[in-house]
Amino acid sequence: MAYVQIDGVKYEKELLDLAELHTTGRGEGKISADEAKLLIESAQDGVQVTEIELSTLHYIRKNFEFTDKAAAYFDAELATLGQKG
């Protein structure tokens, strides 16, 4: 697993790259509901969502634009993932 550090905090590179991919090149530059689902699924690729994956998802939510539907879905999933840890 590859990581990047932003302001001294370690994040998962794969998730950040996926968010970047979904917000550049085409469309309105916002993460859609389907793309938000892909991000959550990518974080759930192992036995459990790690602290770094969870931190990365929170970073993505704070630093990338989401459609309203995507934001509602992503926020609900983040709340559920936070309770599982």
C-alpha atoms as a PDB file:
ATOM      1  CA  MET A   1       0.000   0.000   0.000  1.00  0.00           C
ATOM      2  CA  ALA A   2       1.349   3.389  -0.971  1.00  0.00           C
ATOM      3  CA  TYR A   3       0.938   6.430   1.210  1.00  0.00           C
ATOM      4  CA  VAL A   4       1.413  10.169   0.894  1.00  0.00           C
ATOM      5  CA  GLN A   5       1.960  12.713   3.627  1.00  0.00           C
ATOM      6  CA  ILE A   6       0.038  15.961   3.616  1.00  0.00           C
ATOM      7  CA  ASP A   7       0.806  18.451   6.383  1.00  0.00           C
ATOM      8  CA  GLY A   8       2.517  15.665   8.327  1.00  0.00           C
ATOM      9  CA  VAL A   9      -0.463  13.290   8.163  1.00  0.00           C
ATOM     10  CA  LYS A  10      -0.276   9.958   6.327  1.00  0.00           C
ATOM     11  CA  TYR A  11      -3.036   9.222   3.790  1.00  0.00           C
ATOM     12  CA  GLU A  12      -3.681   6.358   1.385  1.00  0.00           C
ATOM     13  CA  LYS A  13      -2.474   7.321  -2.077  1.00  0.00           C
ATOM     14  CA  GLU A  14      -4.890   5.023  -3.939  1.00  0.00           C
ATOM     15  CA  LEU A  15      -7.955   6.703  -2.425  1.00  0.00           C
ATOM     16  CA  LEU A  16      -6.590  10.191  -3.074  1.00  0.00           C
ATOM     17  CA  ASP A  17      -5.764   9.265  -6.676  1.00  0.00           C
ATOM     18  CA  LEU A  18      -9.283   7.898  -7.148  1.00  0.00           C
ATOM     19  CA  ALA A  19     -10.850  11.094  -5.801  1.00  0.00           C
ATOM     20  CA  GLU A  20      -8.591  13.168  -8.060  1.00  0.00           C
ATOM     21  CA  LEU A  21      -9.534  11.040 -11.068  1.00  0.00           C
ATOM     22  CA  HIS A  22     -13.243  11.594 -10.409  1.00  0.00           C
ATOM     23  CA  THR A  23     -12.911  15.376 -10.145  1.00  0.00           C
ATOM     24  CA  THR A  24     -10.723  16.140 -13.155  1.00  0.00           C
ATOM     25  CA  GLY A  25     -10.992  15.740 -16.894  1.00  0.00           C
ATOM     26  CA  ARG A  26     -14.713  15.458 -17.479  1.00  0.00           C
ATOM     27  CA  GLY A  27     -18.057  16.180 -15.832  1.00  0.00           C
ATOM     28  CA  GLU A  28     -18.703  19.014 -13.418  1.00  0.00           C
ATOM     29  CA  GLY A  29     -15.626  18.434 -11.273  1.00  0.00           C
ATOM     30  CA  LYS A  30     -17.608  16.982  -8.387  1.00  0.00           C
ATOM     31  CA  ILE A  31     -17.672  13.457  -7.020  1.00  0.00           C
ATOM     32  CA  SER A  32     -20.971  11.815  -8.000  1.00  0.00           C
ATOM     33  CA  ALA A  33     -22.950   9.321  -5.923  1.00  0.00           C
ATOM     34  CA  ASP A  34     -21.592   6.403  -7.970  1.00  0.00           C
ATOM     35  CA  GLU A  35     -18.047   7.687  -7.557  1.00  0.00           C
ATOM     36  CA  ALA A  36     -18.566   8.162  -3.810  1.00  0.00           C
ATOM     37  CA  LYS A  37     -19.674   4.533  -3.630  1.00  0.00           C
ATOM     38  CA  LEU A  38     -16.481   3.475  -5.436  1.00  0.00           C
ATOM     39  CA  LEU A  39     -14.387   5.403  -2.913  1.00  0.00           C
ATOM     40  CA  ILE A  40     -16.127   3.714   0.028  1.00  0.00           C
ATOM     41  CA  GLU A  41     -15.797   0.292  -1.609  1.00  0.00           C
ATOM     42  CA  SER A  42     -12.102   0.902  -2.250  1.00  0.00           C
ATOM     43  CA  ALA A  43     -11.565   1.691   1.431  1.00  0.00           C
ATOM     44  CA  GLN A  44     -13.391  -1.526   2.370  1.00  0.00           C
ATOM     45  CA  ASP A  45     -11.106  -3.717   0.249  1.00  0.00           C
ATOM     46  CA  GLY A  46      -9.488  -5.427   3.237  1.00  0.00           C
ATOM     47  CA  VAL A  47     -10.639  -7.127   6.393  1.00  0.00           C
ATOM     48  CA  GLN A  48     -11.543  -3.772   7.904  1.00  0.00           C
ATOM     49  CA  VAL A  49     -11.203  -0.082   7.111  1.00  0.00           C
ATOM     50  CA  THR A  50      -7.923   1.082   8.611  1.00  0.00           C
ATOM     51  CA  GLU A  51      -7.423   4.325  10.507  1.00  0.00           C
ATOM     52  CA  ILE A  52      -5.397   5.664   7.574  1.00  0.00           C
ATOM     53  CA  GLU A  53      -8.182   4.795   5.130  1.00  0.00           C
ATOM     54  CA  LEU A  54     -10.751   6.448   7.390  1.00  0.00           C
ATOM     55  CA  SER A  55      -8.575   9.551   7.760  1.00  0.00           C
ATOM     56  CA  THR A  56      -8.153   9.631   3.981  1.00  0.00           C
ATOM     57  CA  LEU A  57     -11.914   9.465   3.444  1.00  0.00           C
ATOM     58  CA  HIS A  58     -12.389  12.370   5.862  1.00  0.00           C
ATOM     59  CA  TYR A  59      -9.674  14.321   4.041  1.00  0.00           C
ATOM     60  CA  ILE A  60     -11.399  13.654   0.703  1.00  0.00           C
ATOM     61  CA  ARG A  61     -14.746  14.793   2.091  1.00  0.00           C
ATOM     62  CA  LYS A  62     -13.222  18.021   3.354  1.00  0.00           C
ATOM     63  CA  ASN A  63     -11.081  18.814   0.294  1.00  0.00           C
ATOM     64  CA  PHE A  64     -13.074  17.619  -2.719  1.00  0.00           C
ATOM     65  CA  GLU A  65     -16.431  18.750  -4.035  1.00  0.00           C
ATOM     66  CA  PHE A  66     -19.360  16.331  -3.999  1.00  0.00           C
ATOM     67  CA  THR A  67     -22.803  16.474  -5.575  1.00  0.00           C
ATOM     68  CA  ASP A  68     -25.558  16.805  -2.972  1.00  0.00           C
ATOM     69  CA  LYS A  69     -26.590  13.164  -3.387  1.00  0.00           C
ATOM     70  CA  ALA A  70     -22.975  11.989  -3.147  1.00  0.00           C
ATOM     71  CA  ALA A  71     -22.350  14.103  -0.061  1.00  0.00           C
ATOM     72  CA  ALA A  72     -25.372  12.646   1.738  1.00  0.00           C
ATOM     73  CA  TYR A  73     -24.322   9.079   0.891  1.00  0.00           C
ATOM     74  CA  PHE A  74     -20.646   9.655   1.751  1.00  0.00           C
ATOM     75  CA  ASP A  75     -21.444  11.348   5.076  1.00  0.00           C
ATOM     76  CA  ALA A  76     -23.758   8.477   6.088  1.00  0.00           C
ATOM     77  CA  GLU A  77     -21.131   5.885   5.179  1.00  0.00           C
ATOM     78  CA  LEU A  78     -18.400   7.787   7.031  1.00  0.00           C
ATOM     79  CA  ALA A  79     -20.544   7.872  10.153  1.00  0.00           C
ATOM     80  CA  THR A  80     -21.090   4.096   9.929  1.00  0.00           C
ATOM     81  CA  LEU A  81     -17.405   3.361   9.259  1.00  0.00           C
ATOM     82  CA  GLY A  82     -16.372   5.539  12.178  1.00  0.00           C
ATOM     83  CA  GLN A  83     -18.546   3.471  14.525  1.00  0.00           C
ATOM     84  CA  LYS A  84     -17.056   0.164  13.337  1.00  0.00           C
ATOM     85  CA  GLY A  85     -13.520   1.113  14.318  1.00  0.00           C
END
